[in-house]
Amino acid sequence: MKHAQLVVLGGGPGGYPAAFAAADHGMNVVLVDEGKQPGGVCLNRGCIPSKALLHVAKLINESRESAEWGVTFQPPEIDIDKLRDFKNGVVGNLCGGIEGLCKQRGVELIKARGTFVDSTTLELRSADGQTSQLTFDHCIVAIGSIPTMPGFFDIGDDRVMDSTGALELKDVPSRLLVVGGGYIGLEMGSVYAALGSEVTVVEMSAGILPGADRDLVNPLKKVLTEHFSAI
């Protein structure tokens, strides 16, 4: 049975820096993550893929706005498969960088789902169903979060997506309803609007980005109103 001084459960932006810091201080560290590649939600299904797509959306919007400056471009042709490959390539390169840093720092990366057996033992289940056990002196739990689909939206229809599904970019619908005017909804709405969808955003609070300073939100809302069909 394998043993480690420290096990870090979760390979996202909370887990892998903790693993690296502990290894730098001389500890024997094992990093356990159930994903196909490390990086957690942020790198695989959140911050990084969304920013890659927002970069493309920015280019499209600037090409349209440049007509006001006297520079006119033809409407872009969207190759959705190539765009998806670009997004996945950005994610893959950064995830590969984390795996390289694990080797450099002497952190063993195990791709498996970890379940506590007791206070010093984890059961590891790999993607192919094989199981093993790992004992430890200390454990850091950094498992992150997953999107939750409200029951009244969970109707078994592919047209209803959470943020992870939206980032898969399976197609560009002619019309898209975004339920929630927080930063995730606005980012996804901005991407799909730039790609050609008519986007409507619904937010139950008094305005988009609830909790943010209105002096910052109002200029953003003015821009988004030009890109979205309705807010």
C-alpha atoms as a PDB file:
ATOM      1  CA  MET A   1       0.000   0.000   0.000  1.00  0.00           C
ATOM      2  CA  LYS A   2       1.358   3.408  -1.003  1.00  0.00           C
ATOM      3  CA  HIS A   3       1.949   6.009   1.741  1.00  0.00           C
ATOM      4  CA  ALA A   4       2.507   9.776   1.554  1.00  0.00           C
ATOM      5  CA  GLN A   5       3.276  12.432   4.118  1.00  0.00           C
ATOM      6  CA  LEU A   6       0.739  14.688   2.418  1.00  0.00           C
ATOM      7  CA  VAL A   7      -2.107  13.920   0.049  1.00  0.00           C
ATOM      8  CA  VAL A   8      -3.778  16.801  -1.765  1.00  0.00           C
ATOM      9  CA  LEU A   9      -7.243  15.822  -2.955  1.00  0.00           C
ATOM     10  CA  GLY A  10      -8.121  17.988  -5.942  1.00  0.00           C
ATOM     11  CA  GLY A  11      -5.811  19.324  -8.655  1.00  0.00           C
ATOM     12  CA  GLY A  12      -7.345  22.745  -9.197  1.00  0.00           C
ATOM     13  CA  PRO A  13      -5.932  26.217  -8.425  1.00  0.00           C
ATOM     14  CA  GLY A  14      -6.266  25.531  -4.701  1.00  0.00           C
ATOM     15  CA  GLY A  15      -4.827  22.028  -4.765  1.00  0.00           C
ATOM     16  CA  TYR A  16      -1.795  22.036  -7.028  1.00  0.00           C
ATOM     17  CA  PRO A  17      -0.168  25.200  -5.554  1.00  0.00           C
ATOM     18  CA  ALA A  18      -0.555  23.653  -2.092  1.00  0.00           C
ATOM     19  CA  ALA A  19       1.059  20.444  -3.340  1.00  0.00           C
ATOM     20  CA  PHE A  20       3.949  22.365  -4.911  1.00  0.00           C
ATOM     21  CA  ALA A  21       4.511  24.479  -1.790  1.00  0.00           C
ATOM     22  CA  ALA A  22       4.601  21.398   0.440  1.00  0.00           C
ATOM     23  CA  ALA A  23       6.991  19.602  -1.925  1.00  0.00           C
ATOM     24  CA  ASP A  24       9.251  22.669  -1.985  1.00  0.00           C
ATOM     25  CA  HIS A  25       9.464  22.348   1.806  1.00  0.00           C
ATOM     26  CA  GLY A  26      10.643  18.762   1.540  1.00  0.00           C
ATOM     27  CA  MET A  27       7.434  16.802   2.039  1.00  0.00           C
ATOM     28  CA  ASN A  28       6.553  13.627   0.165  1.00  0.00           C
ATOM     29  CA  VAL A  29       3.405  14.717  -1.698  1.00  0.00           C
ATOM     30  CA  VAL A  30       0.789  12.892  -3.762  1.00  0.00           C
ATOM     31  CA  LEU A  31      -1.725  14.946  -5.752  1.00  0.00           C
ATOM     32  CA  VAL A  32      -4.991  13.112  -6.485  1.00  0.00           C
ATOM     33  CA  ASP A  33      -7.373  14.407  -9.146  1.00  0.00           C
ATOM     34  CA  GLU A  34     -10.151  12.546 -10.963  1.00  0.00           C
ATOM     35  CA  GLY A  35     -10.005  14.617 -14.143  1.00  0.00           C
ATOM     36  CA  LYS A  36      -8.383  13.494 -17.377  1.00  0.00           C
ATOM     37  CA  GLN A  37      -5.971  16.370 -16.858  1.00  0.00           C
ATOM     38  CA  PRO A  38      -5.209  18.504 -13.783  1.00  0.00           C
ATOM     39  CA  GLY A  39      -6.274  22.102 -13.370  1.00  0.00           C
ATOM     40  CA  GLY A  40      -9.732  21.761 -11.874  1.00  0.00           C
ATOM     41  CA  VAL A  41     -12.779  23.747 -12.906  1.00  0.00           C
ATOM     42  CA  CYS A  42     -10.887  26.983 -13.554  1.00  0.00           C
ATOM     43  CA  LEU A  43      -8.479  25.541 -16.075  1.00  0.00           C
ATOM     44  CA  ASN A  44     -10.692  22.908 -17.703  1.00  0.00           C
ATOM     45  CA  ARG A  45     -14.258  24.207 -17.503  1.00  0.00           C
ATOM     46  CA  GLY A  46     -14.133  27.804 -16.279  1.00  0.00           C
ATOM     47  CA  CYS A  47     -11.732  30.733 -16.325  1.00  0.00           C
ATOM     48  CA  ILE A  48      -9.330  29.617 -19.043  1.00  0.00           C
ATOM     49  CA  PRO A  49     -11.673  28.273 -21.759  1.00  0.00           C
ATOM     50  CA  SER A  50     -14.076  31.163 -21.211  1.00  0.00           C
ATOM     51  CA  LYS A  51     -11.286  33.733 -21.585  1.00  0.00           C
ATOM     52  CA  ALA A  52     -10.018  32.007 -24.725  1.00  0.00           C
ATOM     53  CA  LEU A  53     -13.495  32.327 -26.257  1.00  0.00           C
ATOM     54  CA  LEU A  54     -13.907  35.889 -24.968  1.00  0.00           C
ATOM     55  CA  HIS A  55     -10.675  36.794 -26.765  1.00  0.00           C
ATOM     56  CA  VAL A  56     -12.247  35.612 -30.026  1.00  0.00           C
ATOM     57  CA  ALA A  57     -15.467  37.495 -29.211  1.00  0.00           C
ATOM     58  CA  LYS A  58     -13.424  40.656 -28.629  1.00  0.00           C
ATOM     59  CA  LEU A  59     -11.775  40.318 -32.043  1.00  0.00           C
ATOM     60  CA  ILE A  60     -15.163  39.865 -33.739  1.00  0.00           C
ATOM     61  CA  ASN A  61     -16.702  42.846 -31.951  1.00  0.00           C
ATOM     62  CA  GLU A  62     -13.724  45.086 -32.701  1.00  0.00           C
ATOM     63  CA  SER A  63     -13.868  44.151 -36.388  1.00  0.00           C
ATOM     64  CA  ARG A  64     -17.500  45.321 -36.420  1.00  0.00           C
ATOM     65  CA  GLU A  65     -16.866  48.501 -34.445  1.00  0.00           C
ATOM     66  CA  SER A  66     -13.886  49.503 -36.579  1.00  0.00           C
ATOM     67  CA  ALA A  67     -16.260  50.670 -39.331  1.00  0.00           C
ATOM     68  CA  GLU A  68     -16.817  53.773 -37.192  1.00  0.00           C
ATOM     69  CA  TRP A  69     -13.085  54.469 -37.514  1.00  0.00           C
ATOM     70  CA  GLY A  70     -13.125  54.096 -41.280  1.00  0.00           C
ATOM     71  CA  VAL A  71     -11.902  50.495 -41.423  1.00  0.00           C
ATOM     72  CA  THR A  72     -14.500  48.003 -42.669  1.00  0.00           C
ATOM     73  CA  PHE A  73     -14.170  44.216 -42.628  1.00  0.00           C
ATOM     74  CA  GLN A  74     -16.352  41.569 -44.201  1.00  0.00           C
ATOM     75  CA  PRO A  75     -18.526  39.610 -41.738  1.00  0.00           C
ATOM     76  CA  PRO A  76     -16.441  36.766 -40.265  1.00  0.00           C
ATOM     77  CA  GLU A  77     -16.968  33.141 -41.242  1.00  0.00           C
ATOM     78  CA  ILE A  78     -17.167  31.022 -38.088  1.00  0.00           C
ATOM     79  CA  ASP A  79     -15.597  27.562 -38.229  1.00  0.00           C
ATOM     80  CA  ILE A  80     -17.043  26.174 -35.001  1.00  0.00           C
ATOM     81  CA  ASP A  81     -14.891  23.033 -35.049  1.00  0.00           C
ATOM     82  CA  LYS A  82     -11.660  24.985 -35.460  1.00  0.00           C
ATOM     83  CA  LEU A  83     -12.751  27.447 -32.770  1.00  0.00           C
ATOM     84  CA  ARG A  84     -13.448  24.564 -30.390  1.00  0.00           C
ATOM     85  CA  ASP A  85     -10.034  23.081 -31.192  1.00  0.00           C
ATOM     86  CA  PHE A  86      -8.395  26.437 -30.428  1.00  0.00           C
ATOM     87  CA  LYS A  87     -10.117  26.587 -27.031  1.00  0.00           C
ATOM     88  CA  ASN A  88      -9.221  22.989 -26.225  1.00  0.00           C
ATOM     89  CA  GLY A  89      -5.638  23.594 -27.327  1.00  0.00           C
ATOM     90  CA  VAL A  90      -5.237  26.497 -24.917  1.00  0.00           C
ATOM     91  CA  VAL A  91      -6.594  24.356 -22.082  1.00  0.00           C
ATOM     92  CA  GLY A  92      -4.470  21.348 -23.038  1.00  0.00           C
ATOM     93  CA  ASN A  93      -1.236  23.342 -23.139  1.00  0.00           C
ATOM     94  CA  LEU A  94      -1.785  24.789 -19.674  1.00  0.00           C
ATOM     95  CA  CYS A  95      -2.843  21.444 -18.201  1.00  0.00           C
ATOM     96  CA  GLY A  96       0.271  19.881 -19.665  1.00  0.00           C
ATOM     97  CA  GLY A  97       2.271  22.596 -17.953  1.00  0.00           C
ATOM     98  CA  ILE A  98       0.869  21.558 -14.574  1.00  0.00           C
ATOM     99  CA  GLU A  99       1.814  17.930 -15.208  1.00  0.00           C
ATOM    100  CA  GLY A 100       5.319  19.084 -16.098  1.00  0.00           C
ATOM    101  CA  LEU A 101       5.551  21.104 -12.889  1.00  0.00           C
ATOM    102  CA  CYS A 102       4.466  18.044 -10.891  1.00  0.00           C
ATOM    103  CA  LYS A 103       7.443  16.122 -12.266  1.00  0.00           C
ATOM    104  CA  GLN A 104       9.760  19.077 -11.719  1.00  0.00           C
ATOM    105  CA  ARG A 105       8.639  19.527  -8.094  1.00  0.00           C
ATOM    106  CA  GLY A 106       8.654  15.805  -7.299  1.00  0.00           C
ATOM    107  CA  VAL A 107       4.875  15.636  -6.776  1.00  0.00           C
ATOM    108  CA  GLU A 108       3.281  12.337  -7.782  1.00  0.00           C
ATOM    109  CA  LEU A 109       0.075  12.917  -9.750  1.00  0.00           C
ATOM    110  CA  ILE A 110      -2.544  10.168  -9.526  1.00  0.00           C
ATOM    111  CA  LYS A 111      -5.567  10.476 -11.809  1.00  0.00           C
ATOM    112  CA  ALA A 112      -8.316   8.853  -9.769  1.00  0.00           C
ATOM    113  CA  ARG A 113     -11.325   9.631  -7.614  1.00  0.00           C
ATOM    114  CA  GLY A 114     -10.408   9.647  -3.938  1.00  0.00           C
ATOM    115  CA  THR A 115     -12.853   8.553  -1.234  1.00  0.00           C
ATOM    116  CA  PHE A 116     -12.053   8.545   2.483  1.00  0.00           C
ATOM    117  CA  VAL A 117     -11.971   5.076   4.040  1.00  0.00           C
ATOM    118  CA  ASP A 118     -10.904   6.457   7.414  1.00  0.00           C
ATOM    119  CA  SER A 119      -8.940   9.414   8.786  1.00  0.00           C
ATOM    120  CA  THR A 120      -5.647   8.232   7.257  1.00  0.00           C
ATOM    121  CA  THR A 121      -6.695   6.229   4.190  1.00  0.00           C
ATOM    122  CA  LEU A 122      -8.097   7.016   0.758  1.00  0.00           C
ATOM    123  CA  GLU A 123      -9.599   4.586  -1.705  1.00  0.00           C
ATOM    124  CA  LEU A 124      -8.571   5.521  -5.242  1.00  0.00           C
ATOM    125  CA  ARG A 125     -10.780   4.584  -8.183  1.00  0.00           C
ATOM    126  CA  SER A 126      -9.346   5.195 -11.644  1.00  0.00           C
ATOM    127  CA  ALA A 127     -11.370   5.856 -14.786  1.00  0.00           C
ATOM    128  CA  ASP A 128     -11.122   2.192 -15.805  1.00  0.00           C
ATOM    129  CA  GLY A 129     -12.651   1.091 -12.486  1.00  0.00           C
ATOM    130  CA  GLN A 130      -9.494  -0.217 -10.832  1.00  0.00           C
ATOM    131  CA  THR A 131      -9.166   0.530  -7.112  1.00  0.00           C
ATOM    132  CA  SER A 132      -6.267   0.864  -4.698  1.00  0.00           C
ATOM    133  CA  GLN A 133      -5.635   2.435  -1.314  1.00  0.00           C
ATOM    134  CA  LEU A 134      -3.360   5.277  -0.279  1.00  0.00           C
ATOM    135  CA  THR A 135      -2.457   6.089   3.322  1.00  0.00           C
ATOM    136  CA  PHE A 136      -1.276   9.492   4.496  1.00  0.00           C
ATOM    137  CA  ASP A 137      -0.167  11.533   7.487  1.00  0.00           C
ATOM    138  CA  HIS A 138      -1.946  14.715   6.380  1.00  0.00           C
ATOM    139  CA  CYS A 139      -4.547  15.542   3.736  1.00  0.00           C
ATOM    140  CA  ILE A 140      -5.617  18.804   2.119  1.00  0.00           C
ATOM    141  CA  VAL A 141      -9.127  18.698   0.636  1.00  0.00           C
ATOM    142  CA  ALA A 142      -9.420  21.057  -2.353  1.00  0.00           C
ATOM    143  CA  ILE A 143     -12.120  19.422  -4.448  1.00  0.00           C
ATOM    144  CA  GLY A 144     -13.771  22.597  -5.755  1.00  0.00           C
ATOM    145  CA  SER A 145     -17.354  22.667  -6.997  1.00  0.00           C
ATOM    146  CA  ILE A 146     -19.615  21.568  -9.848  1.00  0.00           C
ATOM    147  CA  PRO A 147     -22.556  23.354 -11.529  1.00  0.00           C
ATOM    148  CA  THR A 148     -25.983  22.562 -10.098  1.00  0.00           C
ATOM    149  CA  MET A 149     -28.972  22.379 -12.435  1.00  0.00           C
ATOM    150  CA  PRO A 150     -32.236  23.537 -10.784  1.00  0.00           C
ATOM    151  CA  GLY A 151     -34.871  20.828 -11.015  1.00  0.00           C
ATOM    152  CA  PHE A 152     -37.290  22.889 -13.097  1.00  0.00           C
ATOM    153  CA  PHE A 153     -34.598  23.315 -15.794  1.00  0.00           C
ATOM    154  CA  ASP A 154     -33.478  19.683 -15.749  1.00  0.00           C
ATOM    155  CA  ILE A 155     -35.863  18.534 -18.483  1.00  0.00           C
ATOM    156  CA  GLY A 156     -33.527  16.182 -20.335  1.00  0.00           C
ATOM    157  CA  ASP A 157     -33.139  18.455 -23.357  1.00  0.00           C
ATOM    158  CA  ASP A 158     -29.725  19.179 -24.904  1.00  0.00           C
ATOM    159  CA  ARG A 159     -30.828  22.757 -25.501  1.00  0.00           C
ATOM    160  CA  VAL A 160     -30.676  23.398 -21.741  1.00  0.00           C
ATOM    161  CA  MET A 161     -27.006  23.782 -20.761  1.00  0.00           C
ATOM    162  CA  ASP A 162     -25.044  24.630 -17.662  1.00  0.00           C
ATOM    163  CA  SER A 163     -21.815  26.622 -17.924  1.00  0.00           C
ATOM    164  CA  THR A 164     -19.792  23.488 -18.691  1.00  0.00           C
ATOM    165  CA  GLY A 165     -22.104  22.575 -21.561  1.00  0.00           C
ATOM    166  CA  ALA A 166     -21.989  26.111 -22.934  1.00  0.00           C
ATOM    167  CA  LEU A 167     -18.190  25.985 -23.049  1.00  0.00           C
ATOM    168  CA  GLU A 168     -18.315  22.789 -25.119  1.00  0.00           C
ATOM    169  CA  LEU A 169     -19.504  24.982 -28.010  1.00  0.00           C
ATOM    170  CA  LYS A 170     -21.421  22.200 -29.764  1.00  0.00           C
ATOM    171  CA  ASP A 171     -23.199  24.715 -31.987  1.00  0.00           C
ATOM    172  CA  VAL A 172     -24.288  28.353 -32.183  1.00  0.00           C
ATOM    173  CA  PRO A 173     -28.063  28.595 -31.681  1.00  0.00           C
ATOM    174  CA  SER A 174     -30.001  31.305 -33.464  1.00  0.00           C
ATOM    175  CA  ARG A 175     -31.484  32.405 -30.116  1.00  0.00           C
ATOM    176  CA  LEU A 176     -30.133  31.885 -26.605  1.00  0.00           C
ATOM    177  CA  LEU A 177     -31.677  32.602 -23.209  1.00  0.00           C
ATOM    178  CA  VAL A 178     -29.173  33.080 -20.378  1.00  0.00           C
ATOM    179  CA  VAL A 179     -30.741  32.658 -16.937  1.00  0.00           C
ATOM    180  CA  GLY A 180     -28.569  34.577 -14.501  1.00  0.00           C
ATOM    181  CA  GLY A 181     -26.847  37.911 -14.995  1.00  0.00           C
ATOM    182  CA  GLY A 182     -23.719  37.134 -12.997  1.00  0.00           C
ATOM    183  CA  TYR A 183     -20.278  37.173 -14.543  1.00  0.00           C
ATOM    184  CA  ILE A 184     -20.499  33.597 -15.855  1.00  0.00           C
ATOM    185  CA  GLY A 185     -23.805  34.205 -17.612  1.00  0.00           C
ATOM    186  CA  LEU A 186     -22.599  37.488 -19.079  1.00  0.00           C
ATOM    187  CA  GLU A 187     -19.359  35.936 -20.319  1.00  0.00           C
ATOM    188  CA  MET A 188     -21.162  33.088 -22.050  1.00  0.00           C
ATOM    189  CA  GLY A 189     -23.777  35.465 -23.422  1.00  0.00           C
ATOM    190  CA  SER A 190     -21.047  37.715 -24.825  1.00  0.00           C
ATOM    191  CA  VAL A 191     -19.334  34.799 -26.568  1.00  0.00           C
ATOM    192  CA  TYR A 192     -22.496  33.471 -28.185  1.00  0.00           C
ATOM    193  CA  ALA A 193     -23.689  36.960 -29.148  1.00  0.00           C
ATOM    194  CA  ALA A 194     -20.393  37.628 -30.932  1.00  0.00           C
ATOM    195  CA  LEU A 195     -20.715  34.296 -32.750  1.00  0.00           C
ATOM    196  CA  GLY A 196     -24.172  35.239 -34.018  1.00  0.00           C
ATOM    197  CA  SER A 197     -26.798  34.229 -31.442  1.00  0.00           C
ATOM    198  CA  GLU A 198     -29.590  36.576 -30.402  1.00  0.00           C
ATOM    199  CA  VAL A 199     -28.989  36.596 -26.648  1.00  0.00           C
ATOM    200  CA  THR A 200     -31.480  37.491 -23.925  1.00  0.00           C
ATOM    201  CA  VAL A 201     -30.275  37.661 -20.307  1.00  0.00           C
ATOM    202  CA  VAL A 202     -32.701  37.268 -17.394  1.00  0.00           C
ATOM    203  CA  GLU A 203     -31.595  38.297 -13.884  1.00  0.00           C
ATOM    204  CA  MET A 204     -33.914  38.146 -10.860  1.00  0.00           C
ATOM    205  CA  SER A 205     -32.091  40.928  -8.983  1.00  0.00           C
ATOM    206  CA  ALA A 206     -32.456  44.634  -9.633  1.00  0.00           C
ATOM    207  CA  GLY A 207     -29.565  44.582 -12.100  1.00  0.00           C
ATOM    208  CA  ILE A 208     -26.825  42.477 -13.628  1.00  0.00           C
ATOM    209  CA  LEU A 209     -23.773  41.532 -11.563  1.00  0.00           C
ATOM    210  CA  PRO A 210     -25.596  41.813  -8.219  1.00  0.00           C
ATOM    211  CA  GLY A 211     -23.273  42.903  -5.438  1.00  0.00           C
ATOM    212  CA  ALA A 212     -20.897  44.769  -7.739  1.00  0.00           C
ATOM    213  CA  ASP A 213     -20.459  48.549  -7.626  1.00  0.00           C
ATOM    214  CA  ARG A 214     -23.137  50.149  -9.834  1.00  0.00           C
ATOM    215  CA  ASP A 215     -20.627  52.765 -11.021  1.00  0.00           C
ATOM    216  CA  LEU A 216     -18.721  49.893 -12.624  1.00  0.00           C
ATOM    217  CA  VAL A 217     -21.755  47.911 -13.770  1.00  0.00           C
ATOM    218  CA  ASN A 218     -23.567  50.723 -15.587  1.00  0.00           C
ATOM    219  CA  PRO A 219     -20.898  51.300 -18.282  1.00  0.00           C
ATOM    220  CA  LEU A 220     -20.717  47.535 -18.839  1.00  0.00           C
ATOM    221  CA  LYS A 221     -24.494  47.298 -19.135  1.00  0.00           C
ATOM    222  CA  LYS A 222     -24.448  50.035 -21.766  1.00  0.00           C
ATOM    223  CA  VAL A 223     -22.019  47.992 -23.879  1.00  0.00           C
ATOM    224  CA  LEU A 224     -23.854  44.702 -23.338  1.00  0.00           C
ATOM    225  CA  THR A 225     -27.173  46.292 -24.292  1.00  0.00           C
ATOM    226  CA  GLU A 226     -25.703  46.895 -27.746  1.00  0.00           C
ATOM    227  CA  HIS A 227     -24.637  43.244 -28.059  1.00  0.00           C
ATOM    228  CA  PHE A 228     -27.623  41.472 -26.480  1.00  0.00           C
ATOM    229  CA  SER A 229     -31.202  41.405 -27.725  1.00  0.00           C
ATOM    230  CA  ALA A 230     -32.509  42.154 -24.232  1.00  0.00           C
ATOM    231  CA  ILE A 231     -31.466  42.250 -20.571  1.00  0.00           C
END
